[in-house]
Amino acid sequence: MDLFAEKFISSERKLDLLINNAGIMWVPLRRDSRGIESQLATNYLGQFHLTAKLWEALKKLMAQG
């Protein structure tokens, strides 16, 4: 996710829309590289992380009105 966001920001492409939608269910207990349980990381924290990484692109979109 970090690499995608960095490449997108550096491309200076316009971000027209950001839809945060992901989910997993009934998975065995696993943790991501940060030590966070995978279902929590995917279903809740991932979209906030992506939005934060793309915040500069989103601000440009909002500034253009």
PDB file of N, CA and C in Angstrom:
ATOM      1  N   MET A   1       0.819  -1.184   0.000  1.00  0.00           N
ATOM      2  CA  MET A   1       0.000   0.000   0.000  1.00  0.00           C
ATOM      3  C   MET A   1       0.869   1.256   0.000  1.00  0.00           C
ATOM      4  N   ASP A   2       1.911   1.255   0.807  1.00  0.00           N
ATOM      5  CA  ASP A   2       2.793   2.422   0.863  1.00  0.00           C
ATOM      6  C   ASP A   2       3.456   2.675  -0.488  1.00  0.00           C
ATOM      7  N   LEU A   3       3.919   1.605  -1.122  1.00  0.00           N
ATOM      8  CA  LEU A   3       4.588   1.752  -2.410  1.00  0.00           C
ATOM      9  C   LEU A   3       3.616   2.299  -3.461  1.00  0.00           C
ATOM     10  N   PHE A   4       2.379   1.764  -3.477  1.00  0.00           N
ATOM     11  CA  PHE A   4       1.378   2.267  -4.413  1.00  0.00           C
ATOM     12  C   PHE A   4       1.145   3.756  -4.196  1.00  0.00           C
ATOM     13  N   ALA A   5       0.935   4.151  -2.956  1.00  0.00           N
ATOM     14  CA  ALA A   5       0.653   5.560  -2.658  1.00  0.00           C
ATOM     15  C   ALA A   5       1.829   6.450  -3.053  1.00  0.00           C
ATOM     16  N   GLU A   6       3.043   6.025  -2.760  1.00  0.00           N
ATOM     17  CA  GLU A   6       4.223   6.814  -3.124  1.00  0.00           C
ATOM     18  C   GLU A   6       4.332   6.985  -4.638  1.00  0.00           C
ATOM     19  N   LYS A   7       4.098   5.890  -5.376  1.00  0.00           N
ATOM     20  CA  LYS A   7       4.164   5.971  -6.842  1.00  0.00           C
ATOM     21  C   LYS A   7       3.055   6.870  -7.385  1.00  0.00           C
ATOM     22  N   PHE A   8       1.869   6.761  -6.810  1.00  0.00           N
ATOM     23  CA  PHE A   8       0.761   7.591  -7.277  1.00  0.00           C
ATOM     24  C   PHE A   8       1.047   9.068  -7.031  1.00  0.00           C
ATOM     25  N   ILE A   9       1.481   9.419  -5.843  1.00  0.00           N
ATOM     26  CA  ILE A   9       1.779  10.810  -5.512  1.00  0.00           C
ATOM     27  C   ILE A   9       2.893  11.340  -6.410  1.00  0.00           C
ATOM     28  N   SER A  10       3.940  10.549  -6.610  1.00  0.00           N
ATOM     29  CA  SER A  10       5.061  11.020  -7.432  1.00  0.00           C
ATOM     30  C   SER A  10       4.686  11.146  -8.904  1.00  0.00           C
ATOM     31  N   SER A  11       3.653  10.438  -9.355  1.00  0.00           N
ATOM     32  CA  SER A  11       3.221  10.535 -10.755  1.00  0.00           C
ATOM     33  C   SER A  11       2.497  11.850 -11.036  1.00  0.00           C
ATOM     34  N   GLU A  12       2.051  12.529  -9.965  1.00  0.00           N
ATOM     35  CA  GLU A  12       1.303  13.783 -10.061  1.00  0.00           C
ATOM     36  C   GLU A  12       0.008  13.639 -10.855  1.00  0.00           C
ATOM     37  N   ARG A  13      -0.512  12.413 -10.903  1.00  0.00           N
ATOM     38  CA  ARG A  13      -1.803  12.194 -11.553  1.00  0.00           C
ATOM     39  C   ARG A  13      -2.910  12.763 -10.682  1.00  0.00           C
ATOM     40  N   LYS A  14      -4.002  13.106 -11.305  1.00  0.00           N
ATOM     41  CA  LYS A  14      -5.166  13.628 -10.591  1.00  0.00           C
ATOM     42  C   LYS A  14      -5.933  12.469  -9.951  1.00  0.00           C
ATOM     43  N   LEU A  15      -6.315  12.633  -8.705  1.00  0.00           N
ATOM     44  CA  LEU A  15      -7.131  11.642  -8.010  1.00  0.00           C
ATOM     45  C   LEU A  15      -8.575  12.120  -8.049  1.00  0.00           C
ATOM     46  N   ASP A  16      -9.384  11.488  -8.882  1.00  0.00           N
ATOM     47  CA  ASP A  16     -10.778  11.904  -9.042  1.00  0.00           C
ATOM     48  C   ASP A  16     -11.700  11.321  -7.980  1.00  0.00           C
ATOM     49  N   LEU A  17     -11.356  10.142  -7.489  1.00  0.00           N
ATOM     50  CA  LEU A  17     -12.260   9.441  -6.587  1.00  0.00           C
ATOM     51  C   LEU A  17     -11.466   8.424  -5.784  1.00  0.00           C
ATOM     52  N   LEU A  18     -11.779   8.287  -4.515  1.00  0.00           N
ATOM     53  CA  LEU A  18     -11.156   7.264  -3.676  1.00  0.00           C
ATOM     54  C   LEU A  18     -12.265   6.493  -2.980  1.00  0.00           C
ATOM     55  N   ILE A  19     -12.386   5.223  -3.314  1.00  0.00           N
ATOM     56  CA  ILE A  19     -13.371   4.349  -2.675  1.00  0.00           C
ATOM     57  C   ILE A  19     -12.610   3.360  -1.815  1.00  0.00           C
ATOM     58  N   ASN A  20     -12.865   3.388  -0.532  1.00  0.00           N
ATOM     59  CA  ASN A  20     -12.210   2.479   0.401  1.00  0.00           C
ATOM     60  C   ASN A  20     -13.152   1.318   0.698  1.00  0.00           C
ATOM     61  N   ASN A  21     -12.845   0.157   0.108  1.00  0.00           N
ATOM     62  CA  ASN A  21     -13.706  -0.994   0.301  1.00  0.00           C
ATOM     63  C   ASN A  21     -12.842  -2.254   0.310  1.00  0.00           C
ATOM     64  N   ALA A  22     -12.779  -2.921   1.423  1.00  0.00           N
ATOM     65  CA  ALA A  22     -12.052  -4.184   1.525  1.00  0.00           C
ATOM     66  C   ALA A  22     -12.598  -4.946   2.712  1.00  0.00           C
ATOM     67  N   GLY A  23     -12.522  -6.232   2.647  1.00  0.00           N
ATOM     68  CA  GLY A  23     -12.984  -6.994   3.787  1.00  0.00           C
ATOM     69  C   GLY A  23     -12.610  -8.460   3.693  1.00  0.00           C
ATOM     70  N   ILE A  24     -12.317  -9.033   4.830  1.00  0.00           N
ATOM     71  CA  ILE A  24     -12.104 -10.463   4.945  1.00  0.00           C
ATOM     72  C   ILE A  24     -12.873 -10.949   6.151  1.00  0.00           C
ATOM     73  N   MET A  25     -13.219 -12.235   6.151  1.00  0.00           N
ATOM     74  CA  MET A  25     -14.026 -12.778   7.244  1.00  0.00           C
ATOM     75  C   MET A  25     -13.678 -14.246   7.442  1.00  0.00           C
ATOM     76  N   TRP A  26     -13.769 -14.685   8.650  1.00  0.00           N
ATOM     77  CA  TRP A  26     -13.544 -16.088   9.007  1.00  0.00           C
ATOM     78  C   TRP A  26     -12.172 -16.574   8.556  1.00  0.00           C
ATOM     79  N   VAL A  27     -11.162 -15.834   8.904  1.00  0.00           N
ATOM     80  CA  VAL A  27      -9.797 -16.237   8.565  1.00  0.00           C
ATOM     81  C   VAL A  27      -9.082 -16.695   9.835  1.00  0.00           C
ATOM     82  N   PRO A  28      -8.085 -17.551   9.688  1.00  0.00           N
ATOM     83  CA  PRO A  28      -7.317 -17.938  10.878  1.00  0.00           C
ATOM     84  C   PRO A  28      -6.579 -16.733  11.447  1.00  0.00           C
ATOM     85  N   LEU A  29      -6.227 -16.818  12.716  1.00  0.00           N
ATOM     86  CA  LEU A  29      -5.512 -15.722  13.357  1.00  0.00           C
ATOM     87  C   LEU A  29      -4.159 -15.535  12.691  1.00  0.00           C
ATOM     88  N   ARG A  30      -3.979 -14.361  12.102  1.00  0.00           N
ATOM     89  CA  ARG A  30      -2.720 -13.989  11.474  1.00  0.00           C
ATOM     90  C   ARG A  30      -2.465 -12.539  11.796  1.00  0.00           C
ATOM     91  N   ARG A  31      -1.223 -12.164  11.741  1.00  0.00           N
ATOM     92  CA  ARG A  31      -0.836 -10.774  11.997  1.00  0.00           C
ATOM     93  C   ARG A  31      -0.074 -10.243  10.799  1.00  0.00           C
ATOM     94  N   ASP A  32      -0.245  -8.948  10.533  1.00  0.00           N
ATOM     95  CA  ASP A  32       0.494  -8.339   9.439  1.00  0.00           C
ATOM     96  C   ASP A  32       1.905  -7.976   9.909  1.00  0.00           C
ATOM     97  N   SER A  33       2.653  -7.312   9.052  1.00  0.00           N
ATOM     98  CA  SER A  33       4.047  -6.991   9.368  1.00  0.00           C
ATOM     99  C   SER A  33       4.173  -6.045  10.561  1.00  0.00           C
ATOM    100  N   ARG A  34       3.089  -5.334  10.895  1.00  0.00           N
ATOM    101  CA  ARG A  34       3.105  -4.430  12.050  1.00  0.00           C
ATOM    102  C   ARG A  34       2.673  -5.117  13.324  1.00  0.00           C
ATOM    103  N   GLY A  35       2.249  -6.386  13.205  1.00  0.00           N
ATOM    104  CA  GLY A  35       1.787  -7.134  14.369  1.00  0.00           C
ATOM    105  C   GLY A  35       0.300  -6.987  14.619  1.00  0.00           C
ATOM    106  N   ILE A  36      -0.420  -6.367  13.695  1.00  0.00           N
ATOM    107  CA  ILE A  36      -1.862  -6.147  13.856  1.00  0.00           C
ATOM    108  C   ILE A  36      -2.611  -7.334  13.254  1.00  0.00           C
ATOM    109  N   GLU A  37      -3.629  -7.787  13.944  1.00  0.00           N
ATOM    110  CA  GLU A  37      -4.444  -8.917  13.484  1.00  0.00           C
ATOM    111  C   GLU A  37      -4.981  -8.614  12.090  1.00  0.00           C
ATOM    112  N   SER A  38      -4.940  -9.605  11.192  1.00  0.00           N
ATOM    113  CA  SER A  38      -5.204  -9.374   9.768  1.00  0.00           C
ATOM    114  C   SER A  38      -6.617  -8.883   9.462  1.00  0.00           C
ATOM    115  N   GLN A  39      -7.625  -9.379  10.167  1.00  0.00           N
ATOM    116  CA  GLN A  39      -8.989  -8.936   9.885  1.00  0.00           C
ATOM    117  C   GLN A  39      -9.177  -7.472  10.276  1.00  0.00           C
ATOM    118  N   LEU A  40      -8.651  -7.069  11.412  1.00  0.00           N
ATOM    119  CA  LEU A  40      -8.719  -5.667  11.830  1.00  0.00           C
ATOM    120  C   LEU A  40      -7.943  -4.787  10.853  1.00  0.00           C
ATOM    121  N   ALA A  41      -6.762  -5.236  10.468  1.00  0.00           N
ATOM    122  CA  ALA A  41      -5.932  -4.459   9.550  1.00  0.00           C
ATOM    123  C   ALA A  41      -6.615  -4.276   8.198  1.00  0.00           C
ATOM    124  N   THR A  42      -7.244  -5.326   7.688  1.00  0.00           N
ATOM    125  CA  THR A  42      -7.886  -5.269   6.371  1.00  0.00           C
ATOM    126  C   THR A  42      -9.213  -4.529   6.413  1.00  0.00           C
ATOM    127  N   ASN A  43     -10.071  -4.892   7.346  1.00  0.00           N
ATOM    128  CA  ASN A  43     -11.434  -4.364   7.363  1.00  0.00           C
ATOM    129  C   ASN A  43     -11.550  -2.937   7.879  1.00  0.00           C
ATOM    130  N   TYR A  44     -10.609  -2.502   8.709  1.00  0.00           N
ATOM    131  CA  TYR A  44     -10.761  -1.191   9.335  1.00  0.00           C
ATOM    132  C   TYR A  44      -9.567  -0.260   9.135  1.00  0.00           C
ATOM    133  N   LEU A  45      -8.390  -0.739   9.414  1.00  0.00           N
ATOM    134  CA  LEU A  45      -7.231   0.157   9.422  1.00  0.00           C
ATOM    135  C   LEU A  45      -6.670   0.431   8.025  1.00  0.00           C
ATOM    136  N   GLY A  46      -6.804  -0.507   7.117  1.00  0.00           N
ATOM    137  CA  GLY A  46      -6.231  -0.355   5.782  1.00  0.00           C
ATOM    138  C   GLY A  46      -6.725   0.867   5.035  1.00  0.00           C
ATOM    139  N   GLN A  47      -8.032   1.097   5.064  1.00  0.00           N
ATOM    140  CA  GLN A  47      -8.568   2.249   4.326  1.00  0.00           C
ATOM    141  C   GLN A  47      -8.124   3.576   4.924  1.00  0.00           C
ATOM    142  N   PHE A  48      -7.963   3.627   6.227  1.00  0.00           N
ATOM    143  CA  PHE A  48      -7.465   4.853   6.852  1.00  0.00           C
ATOM    144  C   PHE A  48      -6.002   5.089   6.493  1.00  0.00           C
ATOM    145  N   HIS A  49      -5.237   4.024   6.447  1.00  0.00           N
ATOM    146  CA  HIS A  49      -3.827   4.122   6.084  1.00  0.00           C
ATOM    147  C   HIS A  49      -3.682   4.613   4.643  1.00  0.00           C
ATOM    148  N   LEU A  50      -4.456   4.032   3.722  1.00  0.00           N
ATOM    149  CA  LEU A  50      -4.390   4.452   2.316  1.00  0.00           C
ATOM    150  C   LEU A  50      -4.815   5.901   2.163  1.00  0.00           C
ATOM    151  N   THR A  51      -5.888   6.290   2.827  1.00  0.00           N
ATOM    152  CA  THR A  51      -6.356   7.677   2.745  1.00  0.00           C
ATOM    153  C   THR A  51      -5.293   8.641   3.257  1.00  0.00           C
ATOM    154  N   ALA A  52      -4.659   8.289   4.356  1.00  0.00           N
ATOM    155  CA  ALA A  52      -3.601   9.148   4.908  1.00  0.00           C
ATOM    156  C   ALA A  52      -2.447   9.288   3.924  1.00  0.00           C
ATOM    157  N   LYS A  53      -2.081   8.192   3.283  1.00  0.00           N
ATOM    158  CA  LYS A  53      -0.970   8.233   2.327  1.00  0.00           C
ATOM    159  C   LYS A  53      -1.320   9.041   1.081  1.00  0.00           C
ATOM    160  N   LEU A  54      -2.595   9.053   0.698  1.00  0.00           N
ATOM    161  CA  LEU A  54      -3.030   9.788  -0.495  1.00  0.00           C
ATOM    162  C   LEU A  54      -3.595  11.165  -0.151  1.00  0.00           C
ATOM    163  N   TRP A  55      -3.418  11.598   1.084  1.00  0.00           N
ATOM    164  CA  TRP A  55      -4.020  12.844   1.550  1.00  0.00           C
ATOM    165  C   TRP A  55      -3.641  14.043   0.687  1.00  0.00           C
ATOM    166  N   GLU A  56      -2.387  14.132   0.264  1.00  0.00           N
ATOM    167  CA  GLU A  56      -1.963  15.269  -0.563  1.00  0.00           C
ATOM    168  C   GLU A  56      -2.747  15.312  -1.869  1.00  0.00           C
ATOM    169  N   ALA A  57      -2.949  14.182  -2.502  1.00  0.00           N
ATOM    170  CA  ALA A  57      -3.721  14.117  -3.742  1.00  0.00           C
ATOM    171  C   ALA A  57      -5.181  14.471  -3.494  1.00  0.00           C
ATOM    172  N   LEU A  58      -5.719  14.035  -2.365  1.00  0.00           N
ATOM    173  CA  LEU A  58      -7.104  14.362  -2.021  1.00  0.00           C
ATOM    174  C   LEU A  58      -7.273  15.859  -1.754  1.00  0.00           C
ATOM    175  N   LYS A  59      -6.299  16.478  -1.112  1.00  0.00           N
ATOM    176  CA  LYS A  59      -6.376  17.918  -0.852  1.00  0.00           C
ATOM    177  C   LYS A  59      -6.387  18.690  -2.163  1.00  0.00           C
ATOM    178  N   LYS A  60      -5.620  18.252  -3.150  1.00  0.00           N
ATOM    179  CA  LYS A  60      -5.629  18.910  -4.457  1.00  0.00           C
ATOM    180  C   LYS A  60      -7.018  18.815  -5.092  1.00  0.00           C
ATOM    181  N   LEU A  61      -7.647  17.660  -4.966  1.00  0.00           N
ATOM    182  CA  LEU A  61      -8.982  17.477  -5.508  1.00  0.00           C
ATOM    183  C   LEU A  61      -9.981  18.416  -4.834  1.00  0.00           C
ATOM    184  N   MET A  62      -9.895  18.520  -3.507  1.00  0.00           N
ATOM    185  CA  MET A  62     -10.818  19.390  -2.769  1.00  0.00           C
ATOM    186  C   MET A  62     -10.554  20.872  -3.079  1.00  0.00           C
ATOM    187  N   ALA A  63      -9.313  21.232  -3.293  1.00  0.00           N
ATOM    188  CA  ALA A  63      -8.962  22.633  -3.581  1.00  0.00           C
ATOM    189  C   ALA A  63      -9.506  23.060  -4.944  1.00  0.00           C
ATOM    190  N   GLN A  64      -9.595  22.103  -5.879  1.00  0.00           N
ATOM    191  CA  GLN A  64     -10.094  22.424  -7.205  1.00  0.00           C
ATOM    192  C   GLN A  64     -11.605  22.616  -7.206  1.00  0.00           C
ATOM    193  N   GLY A  65     -12.252  22.075  -6.190  1.00  0.00           N
ATOM    194  CA  GLY A  65     -13.670  22.262  -5.985  1.00  0.00           C
ATOM    195  C   GLY A  65     -14.488  21.562  -6.973  1.00  0.00           C
TER     196      GLY A  65
END
